[in-house]
PDB file of all heavy atoms in Angstrom:
ATOM      1  N   VAL A   1     -31.631  90.465 149.655  1.00  0.00           N
ATOM      2  CA  VAL A   1     -30.303  90.986 149.369  1.00  0.00           C
ATOM      3  C   VAL A   1     -29.986  90.759 147.871  1.00  0.00           C
ATOM      4  O   VAL A   1     -29.487  91.643 147.159  1.00  0.00           O
ATOM      5  CB  VAL A   1     -29.249  90.393 150.242  1.00  0.00           C
ATOM      6  CG1 VAL A   1     -27.824  90.729 149.841  1.00  0.00           C
ATOM      7  CG2 VAL A   1     -29.493  90.864 151.713  1.00  0.00           C
ATOM      8  N   TYR A   2     -30.322  89.591 147.374  1.00  0.00           N
ATOM      9  CA  TYR A   2     -30.074  89.250 145.967  1.00  0.00           C
ATOM     10  C   TYR A   2     -30.827  90.215 145.023  1.00  0.00           C
ATOM     11  O   TYR A   2     -30.256  90.692 144.042  1.00  0.00           O
ATOM     12  CB  TYR A   2     -30.486  87.773 145.707  1.00  0.00           C
ATOM     13  CG  TYR A   2     -30.157  87.298 144.311  1.00  0.00           C
ATOM     14  CD1 TYR A   2     -28.841  86.936 143.969  1.00  0.00           C
ATOM     15  CD2 TYR A   2     -31.122  87.203 143.368  1.00  0.00           C
ATOM     16  CE1 TYR A   2     -28.490  86.471 142.728  1.00  0.00           C
ATOM     17  CE2 TYR A   2     -30.817  86.765 142.085  1.00  0.00           C
ATOM     18  CZ  TYR A   2     -29.540  86.364 141.767  1.00  0.00           C
ATOM     19  OH  TYR A   2     -29.219  85.954 140.506  1.00  0.00           O
ATOM     20  N   ALA A   3     -32.114  90.436 145.385  1.00  0.00           N
ATOM     21  CA  ALA A   3     -32.895  91.377 144.543  1.00  0.00           C
ATOM     22  C   ALA A   3     -32.355  92.793 144.656  1.00  0.00           C
ATOM     23  O   ALA A   3     -32.304  93.499 143.634  1.00  0.00           O
ATOM     24  CB  ALA A   3     -34.351  91.315 145.035  1.00  0.00           C
ATOM     25  N   TYR A   4     -31.897  93.286 145.755  1.00  0.00           N
ATOM     26  CA  TYR A   4     -31.381  94.571 145.895  1.00  0.00           C
ATOM     27  C   TYR A   4     -30.081  94.727 145.107  1.00  0.00           C
ATOM     28  O   TYR A   4     -29.872  95.763 144.413  1.00  0.00           O
ATOM     29  CB  TYR A   4     -31.053  94.973 147.370  1.00  0.00           C
ATOM     30  CG  TYR A   4     -30.557  96.353 147.508  1.00  0.00           C
ATOM     31  CD1 TYR A   4     -31.444  97.428 147.369  1.00  0.00           C
ATOM     32  CD2 TYR A   4     -29.208  96.612 147.698  1.00  0.00           C
ATOM     33  CE1 TYR A   4     -30.977  98.733 147.470  1.00  0.00           C
ATOM     34  CE2 TYR A   4     -28.776  97.902 147.827  1.00  0.00           C
ATOM     35  CZ  TYR A   4     -29.638  98.995 147.702  1.00  0.00           C
ATOM     36  OH  TYR A   4     -29.172 100.293 147.736  1.00  0.00           O
ATOM     37  N   VAL A   5     -29.199  93.705 145.129  1.00  0.00           N
ATOM     38  CA  VAL A   5     -28.022  93.775 144.320  1.00  0.00           C
ATOM     39  C   VAL A   5     -28.317  93.801 142.850  1.00  0.00           C
ATOM     40  O   VAL A   5     -27.736  94.522 142.055  1.00  0.00           O
ATOM     41  CB  VAL A   5     -27.059  92.592 144.696  1.00  0.00           C
ATOM     42  CG1 VAL A   5     -25.922  92.453 143.705  1.00  0.00           C
ATOM     43  CG2 VAL A   5     -26.524  92.748 146.073  1.00  0.00           C
ATOM     44  N   SER A   6     -29.309  93.005 142.466  1.00  0.00           N
ATOM     45  CA  SER A   6     -29.754  93.014 141.019  1.00  0.00           C
ATOM     46  C   SER A   6     -30.297  94.406 140.599  1.00  0.00           C
ATOM     47  O   SER A   6     -29.963  94.891 139.494  1.00  0.00           O
ATOM     48  CB  SER A   6     -30.840  91.965 140.790  1.00  0.00           C
ATOM     49  OG  SER A   6     -30.281  90.661 140.940  1.00  0.00           O
ATOM     50  N   VAL A   7     -31.090  95.022 141.460  1.00  0.00           N
ATOM     51  CA  VAL A   7     -31.644  96.311 141.141  1.00  0.00           C
ATOM     52  C   VAL A   7     -30.498  97.378 141.074  1.00  0.00           C
ATOM     53  O   VAL A   7     -30.484  98.176 140.166  1.00  0.00           O
ATOM     54  CB  VAL A   7     -32.679  96.753 142.200  1.00  0.00           C
ATOM     55  CG1 VAL A   7     -33.040  98.203 142.076  1.00  0.00           C
ATOM     56  CG2 VAL A   7     -33.945  95.898 142.085  1.00  0.00           C
ATOM     57  N   SER A   8     -29.538  97.261 141.986  1.00  0.00           N
ATOM     58  CA  SER A   8     -28.396  98.186 141.958  1.00  0.00           C
ATOM     59  C   SER A   8     -27.553  98.009 140.683  1.00  0.00           C
ATOM     60  O   SER A   8     -27.210  99.036 140.050  1.00  0.00           O
ATOM     61  CB  SER A   8     -27.485  97.956 143.193  1.00  0.00           C
ATOM     62  OG  SER A   8     -28.186  98.285 144.346  1.00  0.00           O
ATOM     63  N   ASN A   9     -27.271  96.813 140.356  1.00  0.00           N
ATOM     64  CA  ASN A   9     -26.475  96.537 139.119  1.00  0.00           C
ATOM     65  C   ASN A   9     -27.224  96.993 137.849  1.00  0.00           C
ATOM     66  O   ASN A   9     -26.617  97.539 136.916  1.00  0.00           O
ATOM     67  CB  ASN A   9     -26.142  95.054 138.989  1.00  0.00           C
ATOM     68  CG  ASN A   9     -25.073  94.628 139.999  1.00  0.00           C
ATOM     69  OD1 ASN A   9     -24.386  95.440 140.625  1.00  0.00           O
ATOM     70  ND2 ASN A   9     -24.955  93.356 140.223  1.00  0.00           N
ATOM     71  N   THR A  10     -28.464  96.811 137.851  1.00  0.00           N
ATOM     72  CA  THR A  10     -29.338  97.186 136.688  1.00  0.00           C
ATOM     73  C   THR A  10     -29.309  98.717 136.506  1.00  0.00           C
ATOM     74  O   THR A  10     -29.077  99.198 135.432  1.00  0.00           O
ATOM     75  CB  THR A  10     -30.737  96.681 136.865  1.00  0.00           C
ATOM     76  OG1 THR A  10     -30.698  95.292 137.004  1.00  0.00           O
ATOM     77  CG2 THR A  10     -31.649  97.054 135.682  1.00  0.00           C
ATOM     78  N   ALA A  11     -29.485  99.475 137.590  1.00  0.00           N
ATOM     79  CA  ALA A  11     -29.485 100.915 137.476  1.00  0.00           C
ATOM     80  C   ALA A  11     -28.090 101.419 137.085  1.00  0.00           C
ATOM     81  O   ALA A  11     -27.983 102.365 136.241  1.00  0.00           O
ATOM     82  CB  ALA A  11     -29.882 101.483 138.855  1.00  0.00           C
ATOM     83  N   CYS A  12     -27.037 100.842 137.692  1.00  0.00           N
ATOM     84  CA  CYS A  12     -25.693 101.290 137.319  1.00  0.00           C
ATOM     85  C   CYS A  12     -25.363 100.996 135.896  1.00  0.00           C
ATOM     86  O   CYS A  12     -24.675 101.812 135.197  1.00  0.00           O
ATOM     87  CB  CYS A  12     -24.647 100.632 138.290  1.00  0.00           C
ATOM     88  SG  CYS A  12     -24.747 101.246 139.964  1.00  0.00           S
ATOM     89  N   GLU A  13     -25.774  99.859 135.391  1.00  0.00           N
ATOM     90  CA  GLU A  13     -25.495  99.539 133.990  1.00  0.00           C
ATOM     91  C   GLU A  13     -26.212 100.510 133.034  1.00  0.00           C
ATOM     92  O   GLU A  13     -25.674 100.886 132.006  1.00  0.00           O
ATOM     93  CB  GLU A  13     -25.888  98.067 133.706  1.00  0.00           C
ATOM     94  CG  GLU A  13     -25.553  97.635 132.291  1.00  0.00           C
ATOM     95  CD  GLU A  13     -24.105  97.686 131.983  1.00  0.00           C
ATOM     96  OE1 GLU A  13     -23.265  97.492 132.892  1.00  0.00           O
ATOM     97  OE2 GLU A  13     -23.750  97.958 130.785  1.00  0.00           O
ATOM     98  N   GLY A  14     -27.423 100.814 133.367  1.00  0.00           N
ATOM     99  CA  GLY A  14     -28.170 101.794 132.537  1.00  0.00           C
ATOM    100  C   GLY A  14     -27.498 103.181 132.505  1.00  0.00           C
ATOM    101  O   GLY A  14     -27.341 103.766 131.477  1.00  0.00           O
ATOM    102  N   ALA A  15     -27.090 103.645 133.712  1.00  0.00           N
ATOM    103  CA  ALA A  15     -26.386 104.889 133.739  1.00  0.00           C
ATOM    104  C   ALA A  15     -25.055 104.826 133.072  1.00  0.00           C
ATOM    105  O   ALA A  15     -24.638 105.815 132.380  1.00  0.00           O
ATOM    106  CB  ALA A  15     -26.233 105.348 135.158  1.00  0.00           C
ATOM    107  N   ASN A  16     -24.381 103.735 133.155  1.00  0.00           N
ATOM    108  CA  ASN A  16     -23.042 103.616 132.487  1.00  0.00           C
ATOM    109  C   ASN A  16     -23.272 103.649 130.948  1.00  0.00           C
ATOM    110  O   ASN A  16     -22.508 104.270 130.262  1.00  0.00           O
ATOM    111  CB  ASN A  16     -22.408 102.250 132.886  1.00  0.00           C
ATOM    112  CG  ASN A  16     -21.036 102.067 132.323  1.00  0.00           C
ATOM    113  OD1 ASN A  16     -20.282 103.041 132.221  1.00  0.00           O
ATOM    114  ND2 ASN A  16     -20.724 100.881 131.982  1.00  0.00           N
ATOM    115  N   PHE A  17     -24.279 102.944 130.443  1.00  0.00           N
ATOM    116  CA  PHE A  17     -24.580 102.987 129.014  1.00  0.00           C
ATOM    117  C   PHE A  17     -24.884 104.387 128.586  1.00  0.00           C
ATOM    118  O   PHE A  17     -24.326 104.860 127.562  1.00  0.00           O
ATOM    119  CB  PHE A  17     -25.752 102.051 128.687  1.00  0.00           C
ATOM    120  CG  PHE A  17     -26.117 102.027 127.250  1.00  0.00           C
ATOM    121  CD1 PHE A  17     -25.472 101.193 126.366  1.00  0.00           C
ATOM    122  CD2 PHE A  17     -27.087 102.908 126.768  1.00  0.00           C
ATOM    123  CE1 PHE A  17     -25.774 101.179 124.987  1.00  0.00           C
ATOM    124  CE2 PHE A  17     -27.407 102.953 125.352  1.00  0.00           C
ATOM    125  CZ  PHE A  17     -26.774 102.038 124.518  1.00  0.00           C
ATOM    126  N   GLY A  18     -25.700 105.090 129.301  1.00  0.00           N
ATOM    127  CA  GLY A  18     -26.063 106.475 128.995  1.00  0.00           C
ATOM    128  C   GLY A  18     -24.885 107.432 129.010  1.00  0.00           C
ATOM    129  O   GLY A  18     -24.793 108.373 128.221  1.00  0.00           O
ATOM    130  N   SER A  19     -23.929 107.186 129.924  1.00  0.00           N
ATOM    131  CA  SER A  19     -22.763 108.058 130.019  1.00  0.00           C
ATOM    132  C   SER A  19     -21.745 107.806 128.883  1.00  0.00           C
ATOM    133  O   SER A  19     -21.004 108.701 128.494  1.00  0.00           O
ATOM    134  CB  SER A  19     -22.084 107.897 131.336  1.00  0.00           C
ATOM    135  OG  SER A  19     -21.404 106.634 131.460  1.00  0.00           O
ATOM    136  N   LEU A  20     -21.765 106.613 128.341  1.00  0.00           N
ATOM    137  CA  LEU A  20     -20.846 106.248 127.290  1.00  0.00           C
ATOM    138  C   LEU A  20     -21.340 106.509 125.880  1.00  0.00           C
ATOM    139  O   LEU A  20     -20.628 106.593 124.912  1.00  0.00           O
ATOM    140  CB  LEU A  20     -20.389 104.774 127.415  1.00  0.00           C
ATOM    141  CG  LEU A  20     -19.579 104.411 128.617  1.00  0.00           C
ATOM    142  CD1 LEU A  20     -19.356 102.939 128.688  1.00  0.00           C
ATOM    143  CD2 LEU A  20     -18.287 105.201 128.684  1.00  0.00           C
ATOM    144  N   HIS A  21     -22.708 106.564 125.741  1.00  0.00           N
ATOM    145  CA  HIS A  21     -23.329 106.814 124.446  1.00  0.00           C
ATOM    146  C   HIS A  21     -24.128 108.081 124.501  1.00  0.00           C
ATOM    147  O   HIS A  21     -25.155 108.154 125.190  1.00  0.00           O
ATOM    148  CB  HIS A  21     -24.228 105.589 124.119  1.00  0.00           C
ATOM    149  CG  HIS A  21     -23.527 104.315 124.082  1.00  0.00           C
ATOM    150  ND1 HIS A  21     -22.835 103.901 122.915  1.00  0.00           N
ATOM    151  CD2 HIS A  21     -23.381 103.320 124.986  1.00  0.00           C
ATOM    152  CE1 HIS A  21     -22.296 102.738 123.176  1.00  0.00           C
ATOM    153  NE2 HIS A  21     -22.591 102.362 124.427  1.00  0.00           N
ATOM    154  N   GLY A  22     -23.700 109.083 123.796  1.00  0.00           N
ATOM    155  CA  GLY A  22     -24.346 110.379 123.838  1.00  0.00           C
ATOM    156  C   GLY A  22     -25.685 110.429 123.070  1.00  0.00           C
ATOM    157  O   GLY A  22     -26.000 109.514 122.264  1.00  0.00           O
ATOM    158  N   VAL A  23     -26.376 111.467 123.320  1.00  0.00           N
ATOM    159  CA  VAL A  23     -27.675 111.681 122.599  1.00  0.00           C
ATOM    160  C   VAL A  23     -27.486 111.783 121.140  1.00  0.00           C
ATOM    161  O   VAL A  23     -28.292 111.282 120.302  1.00  0.00           O
ATOM    162  CB  VAL A  23     -28.426 112.956 123.147  1.00  0.00           C
ATOM    163  CG1 VAL A  23     -29.684 113.239 122.376  1.00  0.00           C
ATOM    164  CG2 VAL A  23     -28.737 112.741 124.647  1.00  0.00           C
ATOM    165  N   ALA A  24     -26.443 112.422 120.675  1.00  0.00           N
ATOM    166  CA  ALA A  24     -26.200 112.632 119.254  1.00  0.00           C
ATOM    167  C   ALA A  24     -25.991 111.291 118.507  1.00  0.00           C
ATOM    168  O   ALA A  24     -26.346 111.202 117.326  1.00  0.00           O
ATOM    169  CB  ALA A  24     -24.839 113.472 119.055  1.00  0.00           C
ATOM    170  N   GLU A  25     -25.605 110.259 119.219  1.00  0.00           N
ATOM    171  CA  GLU A  25     -25.431 108.947 118.599  1.00  0.00           C
ATOM    172  C   GLU A  25     -26.762 108.335 118.161  1.00  0.00           C
ATOM    173  O   GLU A  25     -26.836 107.555 117.253  1.00  0.00           O
ATOM    174  CB  GLU A  25     -24.681 108.056 119.614  1.00  0.00           C
ATOM    175  CG  GLU A  25     -24.339 106.693 119.120  1.00  0.00           C
ATOM    176  CD  GLU A  25     -23.538 105.831 120.091  1.00  0.00           C
ATOM    177  OE1 GLU A  25     -22.840 106.453 120.895  1.00  0.00           O
ATOM    178  OE2 GLU A  25     -23.702 104.619 120.065  1.00  0.00           O
ATOM    179  N   PHE A  26     -27.843 108.761 118.871  1.00  0.00           N
ATOM    180  CA  PHE A  26     -29.156 108.181 118.620  1.00  0.00           C
ATOM    181  C   PHE A  26     -30.122 109.160 117.912  1.00  0.00           C
ATOM    182  O   PHE A  26     -31.243 108.811 117.651  1.00  0.00           O
ATOM    183  CB  PHE A  26     -29.778 107.684 119.900  1.00  0.00           C
ATOM    184  CG  PHE A  26     -29.033 106.543 120.516  1.00  0.00           C
ATOM    185  CD1 PHE A  26     -28.094 106.730 121.475  1.00  0.00           C
ATOM    186  CD2 PHE A  26     -29.224 105.260 120.074  1.00  0.00           C
ATOM    187  CE1 PHE A  26     -27.328 105.699 122.039  1.00  0.00           C
ATOM    188  CE2 PHE A  26     -28.505 104.214 120.557  1.00  0.00           C
ATOM    189  CZ  PHE A  26     -27.556 104.432 121.573  1.00  0.00           C
ATOM    190  N   GLY A  27     -29.640 110.374 117.622  1.00  0.00           N
ATOM    191  CA  GLY A  27     -30.450 111.309 116.880  1.00  0.00           C
ATOM    192  C   GLY A  27     -31.236 112.277 117.719  1.00  0.00           C
ATOM    193  O   GLY A  27     -31.278 113.451 117.427  1.00  0.00           O
ATOM    194  N   ASN A  28     -31.967 111.741 118.684  1.00  0.00           N
ATOM    195  CA  ASN A  28     -32.691 112.664 119.578  1.00  0.00           C
ATOM    196  C   ASN A  28     -32.808 111.996 120.991  1.00  0.00           C
ATOM    197  O   ASN A  28     -32.443 110.930 121.204  1.00  0.00           O
ATOM    198  CB  ASN A  28     -34.108 112.948 119.017  1.00  0.00           C
ATOM    199  CG  ASN A  28     -34.954 111.691 118.864  1.00  0.00           C
ATOM    200  OD1 ASN A  28     -34.919 110.812 119.669  1.00  0.00           O
ATOM    201  ND2 ASN A  28     -35.737 111.648 117.794  1.00  0.00           N
ATOM    202  N   VAL A  29     -33.368 112.796 121.913  1.00  0.00           N
ATOM    203  CA  VAL A  29     -33.401 112.401 123.302  1.00  0.00           C
ATOM    204  C   VAL A  29     -34.317 111.212 123.496  1.00  0.00           C
ATOM    205  O   VAL A  29     -34.066 110.332 124.296  1.00  0.00           O
ATOM    206  CB  VAL A  29     -33.852 113.565 124.219  1.00  0.00           C
ATOM    207  CG1 VAL A  29     -34.069 113.165 125.661  1.00  0.00           C
ATOM    208  CG2 VAL A  29     -32.876 114.705 124.133  1.00  0.00           C
TER     209      VAL A  29
END
């Protein structure tokens, strides 16, 4: 359960970062 929660939080944080920082901010995809 601890590992599943960690995997879930990790994926959500990555998607959150990607949704808040656009491609234009980093130059290319």
